[in-house]
Amino acid sequence: MKNLFSWRVKADEGGVVAPDERLPWPQTIAMGIQHVFAMFGATLLAPLLMGMDSNVAVLMSGIGTLIFFLITKGKVPSYLGSSFAFIGVVIAATAYTGSGANPNVAVALGGIILCGLVYVVVGVVVQMAGTAWIETVMPPVVTGTVVAVIGLNLASVPVKSMASSNFESWMQLLTFVCVALIAVYSKGMMQRMLLLAGLIISTLIYLVLTNVLGFGKPVDFSAIANADWFGMPGFQSPTFTLNAAMLIIPVVVILIAENLGHIKAISAITKQNLDDSIGRAFIGDGVATAVSGSVGGPGVTTYAENIGVMAATKVYSTAMFVVAALVSIVLGFSPKFGAIIHAIPVPVMGGVSIVVFGLITVSGAKIWVDNKVDFSDNRNLMVAAIPLVLGTGDFTLHFGSFALNGLGTATFGAILLNQLLKGRGQAARSASAEKV
């Protein structure tokens, strides 16, 4: 334990700072706070879209990061934030309408815990057997399809449920245009925080249009004024049901893909082989997810935002993630901070959601492109095409009282189709090669 919190001190000379090194503490603390802001937009947005307590989410992201740090023995630089992969299944499991607190969130929490435990089992298997079997069961054509389906399945939530008037629809449009402009025309930290920056700017415009000019429903600041600076978050207990479990557990497929990609990216950037930490990373993420779900928080995952910050600064020290975790834990115990988050107008949140769900969809396509998935191969074509429509159209199968919705049928469909068609695809390719 003593060695775990010991880093070699490196002077700030502009070079690469490795995971087992750190800058002097003043710079390390500043870098840690920067990572908190880099992940804030997504970590706060995900629980709001699921109707969860934002203070619990921030608190558990900090605790989850510390759990991840301890289980990976401080070798993998990463912050664990709220996972967007859970949004669709939580909404489906709880019939959440997209505004305010989710009254059925306890049902989703049970599924999140079980998903985390399955993830831990996968991590143990990987730690013992390696990662080759994951790439066999979930090749890029499958993972890309499942990631894309998540975004497409969620598309109707902001479009249909988060704008109740023509004014609010225009506010959604203004919000996603604002985020797009920041993404393209800003630089540095502003660009890395495009979601949070777009959210803040659009909220300020909404305040002017409603509270000042009277065009729509004004923002009520009374909850912010009455909230204490420090207090306990809104913890909740889970409820376990088969329906929610079957809907939410398949998300482990996405978590594996996210975590594996995160570690591979860090390995490439730092030129350090972290393959021996993949199993531990899965276990750490799984434990953090289960712990988060047990008190009312969302599932967590490694964050790509942090890779961007590390790549820009060339600082990969795990010390700054310990700092970031501690800062998040402190913010999690501030009800006033939570009240500020809940005061964000629903249509503004809807506009940001449109961007986020679109980015999730494109991320799936990016997996295909980066891995050069060959869509002239009919097997790849079917593995991608059929689940995309199943998920987007919310194709549901009923097994007695249990219903497997579009996300579940798409996820299992992609995996099963890939295995079912594998033999035929290999035979066809062999025959084609022989003719040549």
Protein backbone atom coordinates (compact mmCIF):
# COMPACT_ATOMS: atom_id res chain seq x y z
CA MET A 1 0.00 0.00 0.00
CA LYS A 2 2.88 2.36 0.77
CA ASN A 3 4.40 1.79 -2.67
CA LEU A 4 0.99 2.25 -4.30
CA PHE A 5 0.91 5.90 -3.25
CA SER A 6 4.55 6.54 -4.12
CA TRP A 7 5.38 8.23 -7.41
CA ARG A 8 8.75 9.34 -8.75
CA VAL A 9 8.78 13.13 -8.76
CA LYS A 10 9.59 14.65 -12.14
CA ALA A 11 10.30 18.31 -12.80
CA ASP A 12 7.86 20.09 -15.10
CA GLU A 13 10.07 20.34 -18.19
CA GLY A 14 7.38 19.74 -20.79
CA GLY A 15 8.15 16.07 -21.39
CA VAL A 16 6.04 12.97 -20.89
CA VAL A 17 5.11 12.13 -17.29
CA ALA A 18 4.57 8.35 -16.98
CA PRO A 19 1.81 6.70 -14.88
CA ASP A 20 4.27 5.91 -12.08
CA GLU A 21 5.64 9.46 -12.03
CA ARG A 22 4.17 12.76 -10.89
CA LEU A 23 4.83 16.47 -11.11
CA PRO A 24 5.35 18.43 -7.87
CA TRP A 25 2.14 18.41 -5.82
CA PRO A 26 0.94 21.94 -6.74
CA GLN A 27 1.00 21.06 -10.46
CA THR A 28 -0.42 17.58 -9.81
CA ILE A 29 -3.35 19.04 -7.87
CA ALA A 30 -4.03 21.54 -10.67
CA MET A 31 -3.93 18.74 -13.24
CA GLY A 32 -6.32 16.66 -11.14
CA ILE A 33 -8.83 19.51 -10.91
CA GLN A 34 -8.58 19.95 -14.69
CA HIS A 35 -9.57 16.31 -15.16
CA VAL A 36 -12.58 16.83 -12.89
CA PHE A 37 -13.81 19.62 -15.18
CA ALA A 38 -13.01 17.60 -18.30
CA MET A 39 -15.31 14.77 -17.20
CA PHE A 40 -17.94 16.90 -15.46
CA GLY A 41 -20.22 17.47 -18.44
CA ALA A 42 -20.72 13.78 -19.21
CA THR A 43 -20.66 12.56 -15.60
CA LEU A 44 -23.43 14.98 -14.64
CA LEU A 45 -25.45 14.62 -17.84
CA ALA A 46 -25.84 10.83 -17.69
CA PRO A 47 -27.58 10.65 -14.27
CA LEU A 48 -29.85 13.55 -15.19
CA LEU A 49 -30.97 11.70 -18.33
CA MET A 50 -31.77 8.66 -16.16
CA GLY A 51 -33.46 10.64 -13.37
CA MET A 52 -30.77 9.80 -10.80
CA ASP A 53 -29.33 12.02 -8.08
CA SER A 54 -26.42 13.98 -9.56
CA ASN A 55 -24.67 14.32 -6.19
CA VAL A 56 -24.64 10.54 -5.76
CA ALA A 57 -23.26 10.19 -9.30
CA VAL A 58 -20.41 12.64 -8.66
CA LEU A 59 -19.64 11.07 -5.28
CA MET A 60 -19.58 7.55 -6.71
CA SER A 61 -17.46 8.60 -9.67
CA GLY A 62 -14.83 9.71 -7.17
CA ILE A 63 -15.15 6.58 -5.03
CA GLY A 64 -15.21 4.41 -8.16
CA THR A 65 -11.99 6.03 -9.40
CA LEU A 66 -10.27 5.24 -6.10
CA ILE A 67 -11.52 1.62 -6.28
CA PHE A 68 -10.20 1.34 -9.84
CA PHE A 69 -6.86 2.84 -8.78
CA LEU A 70 -6.46 0.36 -5.92
CA ILE A 71 -7.46 -2.75 -7.90
CA THR A 72 -5.22 -1.88 -10.88
CA LYS A 73 -2.39 -1.19 -8.41
CA GLY A 74 -2.10 2.38 -9.69
CA LYS A 75 -0.85 1.27 -13.12
CA VAL A 76 -3.74 2.46 -15.32
CA PRO A 77 -4.31 6.25 -15.47
CA SER A 78 -8.08 6.70 -15.70
CA TYR A 79 -11.08 8.45 -14.21
CA LEU A 80 -14.35 6.52 -13.86
CA GLY A 81 -17.42 8.58 -14.71
CA SER A 82 -21.10 7.90 -15.36
CA SER A 83 -21.54 5.53 -18.30
CA PHE A 84 -23.88 6.54 -21.14
CA ALA A 85 -24.23 2.88 -22.06
CA PHE A 86 -26.75 2.48 -19.21
CA ILE A 87 -29.05 5.33 -20.26
CA GLY A 88 -31.20 3.44 -22.75
CA VAL A 89 -31.66 0.32 -20.66
CA VAL A 90 -32.38 2.28 -17.48
CA ILE A 91 -35.01 4.35 -19.30
CA ALA A 92 -36.52 1.17 -20.73
CA ALA A 93 -36.47 -0.69 -17.41
CA THR A 94 -38.05 2.18 -15.45
CA ALA A 95 -40.32 3.75 -18.11
CA TYR A 96 -38.69 7.09 -17.26
CA THR A 97 -40.17 10.12 -19.06
CA GLY A 98 -36.93 12.14 -19.16
CA SER A 99 -37.70 14.89 -16.64
CA GLY A 100 -37.21 15.15 -12.87
CA ALA A 101 -36.45 12.34 -10.44
CA ASN A 102 -36.98 8.78 -11.67
CA PRO A 103 -39.61 7.20 -9.37
CA ASN A 104 -38.70 3.66 -10.44
CA VAL A 105 -34.93 4.01 -10.26
CA ALA A 106 -34.61 1.27 -7.59
CA VAL A 107 -35.45 -1.35 -10.22
CA ALA A 108 -32.62 -0.13 -12.43
CA LEU A 109 -30.14 -0.10 -9.54
CA GLY A 110 -30.54 -3.86 -9.07
CA GLY A 111 -29.73 -4.42 -12.73
CA ILE A 112 -26.71 -2.11 -12.52
CA ILE A 113 -25.35 -4.08 -9.53
CA LEU A 114 -25.76 -7.41 -11.34
CA CYS A 115 -24.14 -5.96 -14.47
CA GLY A 116 -21.17 -4.88 -12.36
CA LEU A 117 -20.86 -8.34 -10.80
CA VAL A 118 -20.94 -10.03 -14.22
CA TYR A 119 -18.24 -7.57 -15.28
CA VAL A 120 -16.13 -8.64 -12.30
CA VAL A 121 -16.49 -12.30 -13.36
CA VAL A 122 -15.38 -11.37 -16.88
CA GLY A 123 -12.39 -9.56 -15.39
CA VAL A 124 -11.38 -12.61 -13.37
CA VAL A 125 -11.62 -14.81 -16.47
CA VAL A 126 -9.57 -12.32 -18.51
CA GLN A 127 -6.96 -12.07 -15.78
CA MET A 128 -6.61 -15.87 -15.88
CA ALA A 129 -7.06 -16.58 -19.59
CA GLY A 130 -6.10 -13.40 -21.46
CA THR A 131 -8.17 -11.27 -23.87
CA ALA A 132 -8.15 -13.35 -27.05
CA TRP A 133 -11.60 -14.85 -26.36
CA ILE A 134 -13.17 -11.38 -26.06
CA GLU A 135 -12.04 -10.47 -29.55
CA THR A 136 -13.51 -13.77 -30.81
CA VAL A 137 -16.95 -13.24 -29.23
CA MET A 138 -17.06 -9.48 -29.82
CA PRO A 139 -15.11 -8.51 -32.92
CA PRO A 140 -15.26 -4.86 -34.10
CA VAL A 141 -18.31 -5.47 -36.29
CA VAL A 142 -20.27 -6.54 -33.18
CA THR A 143 -19.00 -3.88 -30.75
CA GLY A 144 -19.44 -1.13 -33.33
CA THR A 145 -23.00 -2.23 -34.01
CA VAL A 146 -23.98 -2.40 -30.34
CA VAL A 147 -22.48 1.03 -29.60
CA ALA A 148 -24.30 2.58 -32.58
CA VAL A 149 -27.59 0.97 -31.52
CA ILE A 150 -27.38 2.63 -28.10
CA GLY A 151 -27.38 6.09 -29.66
CA LEU A 152 -30.10 5.28 -32.19
CA ASN A 153 -32.36 3.67 -29.60
CA LEU A 154 -32.12 6.79 -27.42
CA ALA A 155 -32.84 9.27 -30.21
CA SER A 156 -36.56 9.52 -29.51
CA VAL A 157 -36.08 10.51 -25.85
CA PRO A 158 -34.92 14.13 -26.36
CA VAL A 159 -36.87 14.61 -29.58
CA LYS A 160 -40.24 13.35 -28.29
CA SER A 161 -40.09 13.81 -24.50
CA MET A 162 -37.89 16.80 -23.65
CA ALA A 163 -39.64 19.63 -25.50
CA SER A 164 -43.31 20.33 -24.72
CA SER A 165 -43.74 23.49 -26.82
CA ASN A 166 -42.49 25.13 -30.00
CA PHE A 167 -40.30 27.47 -27.94
CA GLU A 168 -38.64 24.53 -26.19
CA SER A 169 -38.00 22.81 -29.54
CA TRP A 170 -36.24 25.94 -30.75
CA MET A 171 -34.22 25.96 -27.53
CA GLN A 172 -33.11 22.41 -28.25
CA LEU A 173 -32.00 23.49 -31.71
CA LEU A 174 -30.15 26.50 -30.32
CA THR A 175 -28.43 24.26 -27.76
CA PHE A 176 -27.09 21.64 -30.16
CA VAL A 177 -25.99 24.34 -32.62
CA CYS A 178 -24.17 26.05 -29.74
CA VAL A 179 -22.37 22.83 -28.82
CA ALA A 180 -21.47 22.24 -32.48
CA LEU A 181 -20.01 25.74 -32.83
CA ILE A 182 -17.89 25.26 -29.70
CA ALA A 183 -16.71 21.86 -30.96
CA VAL A 184 -15.55 23.30 -34.29
CA TYR A 185 -14.44 26.86 -33.58
CA SER A 186 -13.06 26.82 -30.02
CA LYS A 187 -9.65 25.61 -28.90
CA GLY A 188 -7.93 24.11 -25.88
CA MET A 189 -9.87 23.45 -22.70
CA MET A 190 -13.02 25.12 -24.04
CA GLN A 191 -13.15 22.58 -26.86
CA ARG A 192 -12.52 19.66 -24.54
CA MET A 193 -15.41 20.81 -22.36
CA LEU A 194 -17.79 21.40 -25.29
CA LEU A 195 -20.76 19.67 -23.60
CA LEU A 196 -20.46 21.59 -20.33
CA ALA A 197 -19.67 24.87 -22.11
CA GLY A 198 -22.63 24.44 -24.46
CA LEU A 199 -24.88 23.59 -21.52
CA ILE A 200 -23.84 26.72 -19.59
CA ILE A 201 -24.11 29.11 -22.55
CA SER A 202 -27.49 27.72 -23.65
CA THR A 203 -28.82 27.92 -20.08
CA LEU A 204 -27.81 31.58 -19.87
CA ILE A 205 -29.61 32.29 -23.17
CA TYR A 206 -32.67 30.42 -21.84
CA LEU A 207 -32.62 32.57 -18.69
CA VAL A 208 -32.62 35.77 -20.74
CA LEU A 209 -35.43 34.56 -23.00
CA THR A 210 -37.66 33.29 -20.16
CA ASN A 211 -36.89 35.00 -16.85
CA VAL A 212 -36.22 38.38 -18.51
CA LEU A 213 -38.24 38.46 -21.75
CA GLY A 214 -41.01 36.04 -20.72
CA PHE A 215 -40.99 33.75 -23.77
CA GLY A 216 -41.22 30.44 -21.87
CA LYS A 217 -41.26 28.75 -18.49
CA PRO A 218 -38.84 30.67 -16.21
CA VAL A 219 -36.18 28.96 -14.14
CA ASP A 220 -37.02 28.66 -10.43
CA PHE A 221 -34.00 29.49 -8.24
CA SER A 222 -35.70 28.81 -4.91
CA ALA A 223 -34.34 25.26 -4.60
CA ILE A 224 -30.80 26.57 -5.06
CA ALA A 225 -31.29 29.29 -2.46
CA ASN A 226 -32.73 26.84 0.08
CA ALA A 227 -30.13 24.08 -0.42
CA ASP A 228 -27.33 23.61 2.10
CA TRP A 229 -23.72 23.90 1.04
CA PHE A 230 -22.94 20.52 2.59
CA GLY A 231 -25.14 17.50 3.29
CA MET A 232 -25.78 13.86 2.46
CA PRO A 233 -26.63 12.93 -1.15
CA GLY A 234 -29.95 11.23 -1.96
CA PHE A 235 -28.91 7.60 -1.52
CA GLN A 236 -31.36 4.91 -2.67
CA SER A 237 -31.63 1.16 -2.16
CA PRO A 238 -31.88 -1.25 -5.10
CA THR A 239 -34.67 -3.63 -6.02
CA PHE A 240 -33.90 -6.80 -7.99
CA THR A 241 -36.19 -7.95 -10.83
CA LEU A 242 -35.61 -10.36 -13.70
CA ASN A 243 -36.85 -7.94 -16.36
CA ALA A 244 -34.47 -5.16 -15.34
CA ALA A 245 -31.58 -7.60 -14.95
CA MET A 246 -32.03 -9.03 -18.47
CA LEU A 247 -32.22 -5.53 -19.92
CA ILE A 248 -29.24 -4.05 -18.09
CA ILE A 249 -26.72 -6.91 -17.78
CA PRO A 250 -25.96 -6.92 -21.57
CA VAL A 251 -24.45 -3.44 -21.11
CA VAL A 252 -21.35 -5.30 -19.90
CA VAL A 253 -20.57 -5.81 -23.60
CA ILE A 254 -20.18 -2.05 -24.03
CA LEU A 255 -18.23 -1.59 -20.81
CA ILE A 256 -15.74 -4.22 -21.93
CA ALA A 257 -15.33 -2.53 -25.31
CA GLU A 258 -14.92 0.92 -23.70
CA ASN A 259 -12.41 -0.26 -21.11
CA LEU A 260 -10.41 -2.36 -23.55
CA GLY A 261 -10.22 0.52 -26.02
CA HIS A 262 -9.23 2.92 -23.24
CA ILE A 263 -6.34 0.76 -22.09
CA LYS A 264 -5.15 0.07 -25.65
CA ALA A 265 -5.18 3.82 -26.36
CA ILE A 266 -3.19 4.64 -23.22
CA SER A 267 -0.72 1.86 -24.05
CA ALA A 268 -0.19 3.30 -27.51
CA ILE A 269 0.23 6.88 -26.28
CA THR A 270 2.53 6.09 -23.35
CA LYS A 271 4.34 3.27 -25.19
CA GLN A 272 3.81 1.05 -22.14
CA ASN A 273 2.30 -2.43 -22.44
CA LEU A 274 -0.71 -2.54 -20.09
CA ASP A 275 -2.14 -5.87 -21.30
CA ASP A 276 -1.39 -7.50 -17.95
CA SER A 277 -3.68 -4.90 -16.31
CA ILE A 278 -6.72 -5.47 -18.54
CA GLY A 279 -8.29 -8.09 -16.26
CA ARG A 280 -7.72 -5.95 -13.18
CA ALA A 281 -9.21 -2.94 -15.02
CA PHE A 282 -12.36 -4.95 -15.77
CA ILE A 283 -12.59 -6.07 -12.14
CA GLY A 284 -12.04 -2.51 -10.87
CA ASP A 285 -14.70 -1.07 -13.18
CA GLY A 286 -17.11 -3.89 -12.27
CA VAL A 287 -16.68 -3.43 -8.53
CA ALA A 288 -17.05 0.35 -8.88
CA THR A 289 -20.25 -0.11 -10.91
CA ALA A 290 -21.76 -2.51 -8.37
CA VAL A 291 -20.86 -0.24 -5.45
CA SER A 292 -22.34 2.78 -7.25
CA GLY A 293 -25.59 0.96 -8.01
CA SER A 294 -25.92 -0.20 -4.40
CA VAL A 295 -26.39 3.38 -3.15
CA GLY A 296 -28.33 4.93 -6.05
CA GLY A 297 -25.62 5.84 -8.54
CA PRO A 298 -25.23 4.98 -12.24
CA GLY A 299 -22.85 2.44 -13.70
CA VAL A 300 -19.38 3.85 -14.31
CA THR A 301 -16.78 3.47 -17.01
CA THR A 302 -13.35 4.74 -18.04
CA TYR A 303 -13.61 8.15 -19.69
CA ALA A 304 -12.30 9.09 -23.15
CA GLU A 305 -12.30 12.76 -22.09
CA ASN A 306 -9.37 12.00 -19.83
CA ILE A 307 -7.39 10.44 -22.67
CA GLY A 308 -7.76 13.72 -24.57
CA VAL A 309 -6.50 15.75 -21.62
CA MET A 310 -3.57 13.37 -21.08
CA ALA A 311 -2.64 13.44 -24.77
CA ALA A 312 -2.71 17.25 -24.79
CA THR A 313 -0.67 17.67 -21.59
CA LYS A 314 1.58 14.58 -21.91
CA VAL A 315 0.91 13.90 -18.22
CA TYR A 316 -0.26 10.33 -17.53
CA SER A 317 0.44 10.23 -13.80
CA THR A 318 -2.08 8.23 -11.81
CA ALA A 319 -1.49 10.66 -8.92
CA MET A 320 -3.67 13.33 -10.56
CA PHE A 321 -6.59 10.87 -10.76
CA VAL A 322 -6.39 10.32 -7.01
CA VAL A 323 -6.64 14.11 -6.66
CA ALA A 324 -9.57 14.24 -9.10
CA ALA A 325 -11.37 11.49 -7.17
CA LEU A 326 -11.01 13.32 -3.86
CA VAL A 327 -12.31 16.59 -5.38
CA SER A 328 -15.37 14.75 -6.76
CA ILE A 329 -16.10 13.15 -3.39
CA VAL A 330 -16.15 16.60 -1.74
CA LEU A 331 -18.53 17.99 -4.42
CA GLY A 332 -20.79 14.97 -3.98
CA PHE A 333 -21.59 16.13 -0.45
CA SER A 334 -22.85 19.56 -1.58
CA PRO A 335 -26.69 19.71 -1.96
CA LYS A 336 -26.37 23.26 -3.34
CA PHE A 337 -24.24 21.90 -6.16
CA GLY A 338 -26.93 19.29 -6.87
CA ALA A 339 -29.68 21.93 -6.82
CA ILE A 340 -27.81 23.98 -9.41
CA ILE A 341 -27.61 20.95 -11.67
CA HIS A 342 -31.33 20.17 -11.34
CA ALA A 343 -32.20 23.78 -12.25
CA ILE A 344 -30.90 23.25 -15.79
CA PRO A 345 -33.87 23.69 -18.19
CA VAL A 346 -35.20 20.43 -19.67
CA PRO A 347 -35.06 21.63 -23.34
CA VAL A 348 -31.44 22.68 -22.91
CA MET A 349 -30.69 19.24 -21.54
CA GLY A 350 -32.59 17.81 -24.50
CA GLY A 351 -30.43 19.69 -26.97
CA VAL A 352 -27.26 18.42 -25.33
CA SER A 353 -28.75 14.91 -25.31
CA ILE A 354 -29.24 15.04 -29.06
CA VAL A 355 -25.52 15.75 -29.44
CA VAL A 356 -24.49 13.06 -26.97
CA PHE A 357 -26.69 10.34 -28.49
CA GLY A 358 -25.48 11.28 -31.94
CA LEU A 359 -21.86 11.05 -30.80
CA ILE A 360 -22.53 7.60 -29.32
CA THR A 361 -23.95 6.46 -32.66
CA VAL A 362 -21.00 7.83 -34.61
CA SER A 363 -18.61 6.22 -32.10
CA GLY A 364 -19.99 2.86 -33.18
CA ALA A 365 -19.34 3.69 -36.82
CA LYS A 366 -15.85 4.85 -35.88
CA ILE A 367 -15.12 1.40 -34.45
CA TRP A 368 -15.95 -0.06 -37.87
CA VAL A 369 -13.75 2.47 -39.67
CA ASP A 370 -10.78 2.22 -37.31
CA ASN A 371 -10.81 -1.57 -37.55
CA LYS A 372 -11.46 -1.60 -41.31
CA VAL A 373 -14.58 -3.75 -41.08
CA ASP A 374 -15.25 -5.17 -44.55
CA PHE A 375 -18.91 -4.59 -45.44
CA SER A 376 -18.48 -6.29 -48.80
CA ASP A 377 -18.55 -9.45 -46.66
CA ASN A 378 -22.23 -10.39 -46.35
CA ARG A 379 -21.68 -11.76 -42.84
CA ASN A 380 -20.49 -8.37 -41.56
CA LEU A 381 -23.31 -6.70 -43.46
CA MET A 382 -25.97 -8.87 -41.79
CA VAL A 383 -24.38 -8.69 -38.33
CA ALA A 384 -24.56 -4.88 -38.50
CA ALA A 385 -27.71 -4.24 -40.53
CA ILE A 386 -30.23 -6.40 -38.70
CA PRO A 387 -29.38 -5.33 -35.10
CA LEU A 388 -29.31 -1.65 -36.13
CA VAL A 389 -32.97 -1.83 -37.15
CA LEU A 390 -33.90 -4.04 -34.18
CA GLY A 391 -32.48 -1.46 -31.78
CA THR A 392 -33.69 1.66 -33.57
CA GLY A 393 -37.22 0.28 -34.02
CA ASP A 394 -37.21 -1.15 -30.48
CA PHE A 395 -37.96 -4.72 -31.62
CA THR A 396 -39.20 -6.50 -28.48
CA LEU A 397 -39.48 -10.21 -27.70
CA HIS A 398 -41.71 -11.50 -24.90
CA PHE A 399 -40.91 -14.59 -22.84
CA GLY A 400 -43.94 -14.96 -20.58
CA SER A 401 -43.96 -11.88 -18.37
CA PHE A 402 -40.40 -10.95 -19.38
CA ALA A 403 -39.81 -8.55 -22.28
CA LEU A 404 -36.45 -8.13 -24.03
CA ASN A 405 -36.55 -4.70 -25.66
CA GLY A 406 -34.72 -3.34 -28.70
CA LEU A 407 -31.38 -2.78 -26.99
CA GLY A 408 -31.36 -6.35 -25.66
CA THR A 409 -32.45 -7.97 -28.93
CA ALA A 410 -29.92 -5.88 -30.86
CA THR A 411 -27.05 -6.71 -28.49
CA PHE A 412 -27.71 -10.44 -28.31
CA GLY A 413 -28.68 -10.45 -31.99
CA ALA A 414 -25.32 -9.04 -33.06
CA ILE A 415 -23.38 -11.55 -30.93
CA LEU A 416 -25.46 -14.56 -31.99
CA LEU A 417 -25.61 -13.63 -35.69
CA ASN A 418 -21.85 -13.22 -35.74
CA GLN A 419 -21.40 -16.75 -34.37
CA LEU A 420 -24.19 -18.28 -36.46
CA LEU A 421 -22.86 -16.86 -39.74
CA LYS A 422 -19.18 -17.28 -38.96
CA GLY A 423 -18.83 -20.75 -40.50
CA ARG A 424 -20.65 -19.79 -43.69
CA GLY A 425 -18.64 -16.58 -43.98
CA GLN A 426 -15.35 -18.42 -43.60
CA ALA A 427 -16.40 -21.06 -46.15
CA ALA A 428 -17.40 -18.39 -48.66
CA ARG A 429 -14.11 -16.57 -48.25
CA SER A 430 -12.14 -19.80 -48.66
CA ALA A 431 -14.05 -20.66 -51.82
CA SER A 432 -13.42 -17.20 -53.23
CA ALA A 433 -9.72 -17.50 -52.43
CA GLU A 434 -9.53 -20.88 -54.20
CA LYS A 435 -11.10 -19.43 -57.37
CA VAL A 436 -8.48 -16.70 -57.37
